Amino acid sequence: MPIFAVTYTYADKPAVLDAFRPEHRAFLSGLLEEGTLLASGPLAQDVANPAGALLLLDATDEAAVATTLDADPFAREDVITRRTVRPWVPVFGPWADRV
């Protein structure tokens, strides 16, 4: 299946993010176990860039990615202010042989 790079931008709601981070990570762990999530982690925050995350997902299409990530507790709690989904074609690395 294709790989999709997803970015999250988080709202400036640190207390809500902290409160629901364990549930969010449990959700992502489940996706990892089922093989949908390939990798994820926070993106560095600085003056020019708000807090966010990068996720790599294995899915049939962008609609499947959206449906999957709509169930993220962070989405439910409305702390994701922006989500981008783009197909990604790795040339080097562990997923390059999938092309």
N, C-alpha and C. Protein backbone atom coordinates (compact mmCIF):
# COMPACT_ATOMS: atom_id res chain seq x y z
N MET A 1 0.83 -1.19 0.00
CA MET A 1 0.00 0.00 0.00
C MET A 1 0.87 1.24 0.00
N PRO A 2 0.29 2.35 -0.44
CA PRO A 2 1.05 3.61 -0.42
C PRO A 2 1.33 4.08 1.00
N ILE A 3 2.35 4.91 1.11
CA ILE A 3 2.69 5.54 2.38
C ILE A 3 2.27 7.00 2.31
N PHE A 4 1.72 7.49 3.41
CA PHE A 4 1.29 8.88 3.49
C PHE A 4 2.00 9.57 4.64
N ALA A 5 2.49 10.78 4.37
CA ALA A 5 3.07 11.63 5.40
C ALA A 5 1.98 12.57 5.88
N VAL A 6 1.76 12.56 7.17
CA VAL A 6 0.73 13.39 7.78
C VAL A 6 1.39 14.33 8.76
N THR A 7 1.01 15.59 8.71
CA THR A 7 1.47 16.52 9.73
C THR A 7 0.27 17.03 10.51
N TYR A 8 0.48 17.16 11.80
CA TYR A 8 -0.49 17.77 12.70
C TYR A 8 0.09 19.10 13.16
N THR A 9 -0.76 20.10 13.29
CA THR A 9 -0.43 21.32 14.01
C THR A 9 -1.38 21.38 15.19
N TYR A 10 -0.81 21.58 16.36
CA TYR A 10 -1.60 21.57 17.58
C TYR A 10 -2.01 22.97 18.02
N ALA A 11 -3.18 23.04 18.63
CA ALA A 11 -3.65 24.28 19.24
C ALA A 11 -2.76 24.58 20.45
N ASP A 12 -2.73 25.83 20.81
CA ASP A 12 -1.96 26.25 21.98
C ASP A 12 -2.79 25.97 23.23
N LYS A 13 -2.96 24.68 23.50
CA LYS A 13 -3.74 24.23 24.66
C LYS A 13 -2.92 23.16 25.39
N PRO A 14 -1.82 23.56 26.02
CA PRO A 14 -0.94 22.57 26.63
C PRO A 14 -1.63 21.69 27.67
N ALA A 15 -2.55 22.23 28.43
CA ALA A 15 -3.21 21.42 29.46
C ALA A 15 -4.06 20.31 28.83
N VAL A 16 -4.75 20.63 27.74
CA VAL A 16 -5.57 19.62 27.05
C VAL A 16 -4.67 18.59 26.39
N LEU A 17 -3.62 19.04 25.74
CA LEU A 17 -2.67 18.11 25.12
C LEU A 17 -2.09 17.17 26.17
N ASP A 18 -1.68 17.71 27.29
CA ASP A 18 -1.11 16.88 28.36
C ASP A 18 -2.13 15.88 28.90
N ALA A 19 -3.36 16.32 29.05
CA ALA A 19 -4.40 15.46 29.63
C ALA A 19 -4.73 14.28 28.72
N PHE A 20 -4.70 14.50 27.41
CA PHE A 20 -5.13 13.44 26.49
C PHE A 20 -3.97 12.76 25.77
N ARG A 21 -2.73 13.17 26.07
CA ARG A 21 -1.57 12.54 25.42
C ARG A 21 -1.49 11.03 25.68
N PRO A 22 -1.73 10.54 26.89
CA PRO A 22 -1.69 9.08 27.08
C PRO A 22 -2.70 8.34 26.18
N GLU A 23 -3.90 8.86 26.07
CA GLU A 23 -4.91 8.22 25.22
C GLU A 23 -4.52 8.32 23.74
N HIS A 24 -3.98 9.45 23.34
CA HIS A 24 -3.49 9.66 21.97
C HIS A 24 -2.38 8.65 21.65
N ARG A 25 -1.45 8.49 22.57
CA ARG A 25 -0.35 7.55 22.33
C ARG A 25 -0.83 6.10 22.33
N ALA A 26 -1.80 5.79 23.14
CA ALA A 26 -2.37 4.43 23.11
C ALA A 26 -3.05 4.18 21.77
N PHE A 27 -3.74 5.18 21.25
CA PHE A 27 -4.37 5.07 19.93
C PHE A 27 -3.31 4.81 18.86
N LEU A 28 -2.24 5.60 18.89
CA LEU A 28 -1.16 5.42 17.90
C LEU A 28 -0.48 4.07 18.07
N SER A 29 -0.30 3.61 19.29
CA SER A 29 0.29 2.29 19.52
C SER A 29 -0.56 1.20 18.89
N GLY A 30 -1.86 1.34 18.96
CA GLY A 30 -2.75 0.38 18.32
C GLY A 30 -2.58 0.38 16.81
N LEU A 31 -2.44 1.57 16.23
CA LEU A 31 -2.21 1.66 14.79
C LEU A 31 -0.87 1.03 14.40
N LEU A 32 0.13 1.21 15.26
CA LEU A 32 1.44 0.61 15.01
C LEU A 32 1.34 -0.92 15.04
N GLU A 33 0.67 -1.43 16.03
CA GLU A 33 0.52 -2.88 16.17
C GLU A 33 -0.20 -3.50 14.98
N GLU A 34 -1.18 -2.79 14.43
CA GLU A 34 -1.92 -3.34 13.29
C GLU A 34 -1.22 -3.10 11.96
N GLY A 35 -0.12 -2.33 11.97
CA GLY A 35 0.66 -2.10 10.76
C GLY A 35 0.25 -0.88 9.97
N THR A 36 -0.70 -0.11 10.47
CA THR A 36 -1.13 1.10 9.77
C THR A 36 -0.14 2.24 9.99
N LEU A 37 0.33 2.41 11.21
CA LEU A 37 1.30 3.45 11.54
C LEU A 37 2.69 2.88 11.38
N LEU A 38 3.52 3.58 10.61
CA LEU A 38 4.91 3.16 10.42
C LEU A 38 5.84 3.88 11.38
N ALA A 39 5.55 5.15 11.64
CA ALA A 39 6.38 5.95 12.54
C ALA A 39 5.61 7.22 12.90
N SER A 40 5.93 7.78 14.05
CA SER A 40 5.34 9.07 14.42
C SER A 40 6.17 9.70 15.52
N GLY A 41 6.01 10.99 15.66
CA GLY A 41 6.69 11.71 16.72
C GLY A 41 6.47 13.20 16.60
N PRO A 42 6.76 13.92 17.66
CA PRO A 42 6.55 15.36 17.66
C PRO A 42 7.55 16.09 16.77
N LEU A 43 7.08 17.20 16.23
CA LEU A 43 7.95 18.12 15.49
C LEU A 43 8.39 19.22 16.45
N ALA A 44 9.61 19.65 16.30
CA ALA A 44 10.15 20.68 17.18
C ALA A 44 9.33 21.96 17.06
N GLN A 45 9.09 22.57 18.20
CA GLN A 45 8.37 23.83 18.26
C GLN A 45 9.38 24.95 18.43
N ASP A 46 9.17 26.04 17.69
CA ASP A 46 10.00 27.22 17.85
C ASP A 46 9.17 28.45 17.53
N VAL A 47 9.80 29.60 17.45
CA VAL A 47 9.08 30.84 17.23
C VAL A 47 8.28 30.81 15.93
N ALA A 48 8.83 30.20 14.89
CA ALA A 48 8.18 30.18 13.58
C ALA A 48 7.23 29.00 13.38
N ASN A 49 7.33 28.00 14.24
CA ASN A 49 6.54 26.78 14.05
C ASN A 49 5.85 26.37 15.34
N PRO A 50 4.53 26.24 15.28
CA PRO A 50 3.81 25.79 16.47
C PRO A 50 4.06 24.31 16.72
N ALA A 51 3.63 23.83 17.87
CA ALA A 51 3.77 22.42 18.20
C ALA A 51 3.01 21.58 17.18
N GLY A 52 3.56 20.41 16.90
CA GLY A 52 2.91 19.53 15.93
C GLY A 52 3.56 18.16 15.93
N ALA A 53 3.19 17.36 14.93
CA ALA A 53 3.72 16.01 14.83
C ALA A 53 3.78 15.58 13.37
N LEU A 54 4.62 14.58 13.13
CA LEU A 54 4.72 13.93 11.82
C LEU A 54 4.36 12.46 12.02
N LEU A 55 3.49 11.95 11.15
CA LEU A 55 3.10 10.54 11.19
C LEU A 55 3.26 9.96 9.80
N LEU A 56 3.75 8.74 9.71
CA LEU A 56 3.81 8.01 8.44
C LEU A 56 2.84 6.85 8.54
N LEU A 57 1.90 6.80 7.60
CA LEU A 57 0.88 5.76 7.62
C LEU A 57 0.88 4.96 6.33
N ASP A 58 0.57 3.70 6.47
CA ASP A 58 0.40 2.78 5.36
C ASP A 58 -1.11 2.64 5.15
N ALA A 59 -1.61 3.13 4.03
CA ALA A 59 -3.06 3.12 3.80
C ALA A 59 -3.36 3.03 2.31
N THR A 60 -4.58 2.69 2.00
CA THR A 60 -4.96 2.54 0.59
C THR A 60 -5.05 3.87 -0.12
N ASP A 61 -5.52 4.90 0.58
CA ASP A 61 -5.67 6.22 -0.05
C ASP A 61 -5.83 7.28 1.04
N GLU A 62 -5.89 8.55 0.59
CA GLU A 62 -5.99 9.65 1.54
C GLU A 62 -7.28 9.59 2.37
N ALA A 63 -8.35 9.12 1.77
CA ALA A 63 -9.62 9.01 2.50
C ALA A 63 -9.49 8.02 3.66
N ALA A 64 -8.78 6.93 3.45
CA ALA A 64 -8.57 5.95 4.53
C ALA A 64 -7.73 6.55 5.65
N VAL A 65 -6.74 7.35 5.28
CA VAL A 65 -5.92 8.03 6.30
C VAL A 65 -6.81 8.96 7.13
N ALA A 66 -7.62 9.76 6.44
CA ALA A 66 -8.49 10.70 7.14
C ALA A 66 -9.45 9.98 8.08
N THR A 67 -10.07 8.91 7.60
CA THR A 67 -11.00 8.15 8.43
C THR A 67 -10.30 7.59 9.66
N THR A 68 -9.11 7.04 9.46
CA THR A 68 -8.34 6.49 10.58
C THR A 68 -8.02 7.56 11.60
N LEU A 69 -7.49 8.70 11.13
CA LEU A 69 -7.03 9.73 12.06
C LEU A 69 -8.16 10.55 12.67
N ASP A 70 -9.34 10.49 12.09
CA ASP A 70 -10.48 11.16 12.72
C ASP A 70 -10.80 10.54 14.09
N ALA A 71 -10.35 9.30 14.30
CA ALA A 71 -10.58 8.62 15.58
C ALA A 71 -9.51 8.95 16.63
N ASP A 72 -8.51 9.73 16.27
CA ASP A 72 -7.47 10.12 17.22
C ASP A 72 -8.09 10.94 18.35
N PRO A 73 -7.80 10.61 19.59
CA PRO A 73 -8.33 11.40 20.71
C PRO A 73 -7.99 12.89 20.59
N PHE A 74 -6.84 13.22 20.04
CA PHE A 74 -6.53 14.64 19.85
C PHE A 74 -7.51 15.29 18.87
N ALA A 75 -7.95 14.57 17.86
CA ALA A 75 -8.95 15.11 16.93
C ALA A 75 -10.28 15.29 17.66
N ARG A 76 -10.65 14.29 18.45
CA ARG A 76 -11.90 14.35 19.21
C ARG A 76 -11.92 15.55 20.16
N GLU A 77 -10.77 15.84 20.76
CA GLU A 77 -10.67 16.93 21.72
C GLU A 77 -10.39 18.27 21.05
N ASP A 78 -10.35 18.28 19.72
CA ASP A 78 -10.21 19.51 18.93
C ASP A 78 -8.92 20.28 19.22
N VAL A 79 -7.82 19.54 19.39
CA VAL A 79 -6.53 20.19 19.59
C VAL A 79 -5.65 20.13 18.34
N ILE A 80 -6.14 19.50 17.28
CA ILE A 80 -5.43 19.51 16.00
C ILE A 80 -6.05 20.63 15.17
N THR A 81 -5.29 21.70 14.96
CA THR A 81 -5.82 22.84 14.22
C THR A 81 -5.62 22.69 12.71
N ARG A 82 -4.66 21.85 12.34
CA ARG A 82 -4.40 21.63 10.91
C ARG A 82 -3.84 20.22 10.76
N ARG A 83 -4.33 19.54 9.72
CA ARG A 83 -3.82 18.21 9.39
C ARG A 83 -3.60 18.18 7.88
N THR A 84 -2.37 17.84 7.49
CA THR A 84 -2.09 17.67 6.07
C THR A 84 -1.81 16.19 5.81
N VAL A 85 -2.23 15.72 4.66
CA VAL A 85 -2.01 14.34 4.25
C VAL A 85 -1.46 14.37 2.84
N ARG A 86 -0.25 13.79 2.68
CA ARG A 86 0.38 13.78 1.36
C ARG A 86 0.99 12.42 1.09
N PRO A 87 0.82 11.91 -0.13
CA PRO A 87 1.51 10.67 -0.48
C PRO A 87 3.01 10.89 -0.38
N TRP A 88 3.73 9.85 0.05
CA TRP A 88 5.18 9.94 0.21
C TRP A 88 5.80 8.71 -0.42
N VAL A 89 6.81 8.93 -1.24
CA VAL A 89 7.50 7.83 -1.93
C VAL A 89 8.94 7.80 -1.44
N PRO A 90 9.26 6.90 -0.51
CA PRO A 90 10.63 6.82 -0.02
C PRO A 90 11.56 6.25 -1.08
N VAL A 91 12.71 6.86 -1.23
CA VAL A 91 13.72 6.41 -2.19
C VAL A 91 14.80 5.61 -1.47
N PHE A 92 15.12 6.02 -0.26
CA PHE A 92 16.12 5.33 0.56
C PHE A 92 15.48 4.98 1.90
N GLY A 93 15.99 3.94 2.52
CA GLY A 93 15.52 3.59 3.84
C GLY A 93 14.66 2.33 3.84
N PRO A 94 14.16 1.99 5.01
CA PRO A 94 13.49 0.70 5.18
C PRO A 94 12.21 0.52 4.37
N TRP A 95 11.59 1.61 3.95
CA TRP A 95 10.33 1.48 3.20
C TRP A 95 10.52 1.71 1.71
N ALA A 96 11.75 1.91 1.25
CA ALA A 96 12.01 2.20 -0.16
C ALA A 96 11.67 1.04 -1.09
N ASP A 97 11.76 -0.16 -0.60
CA ASP A 97 11.51 -1.32 -1.45
C ASP A 97 10.03 -1.51 -1.76
N ARG A 98 9.18 -0.68 -1.18
CA ARG A 98 7.73 -0.79 -1.40
C ARG A 98 7.30 -0.13 -2.70
N VAL A 99 8.17 0.63 -3.32
CA VAL A 99 7.81 1.37 -4.53
C VAL A 99 7.80 0.46 -5.74
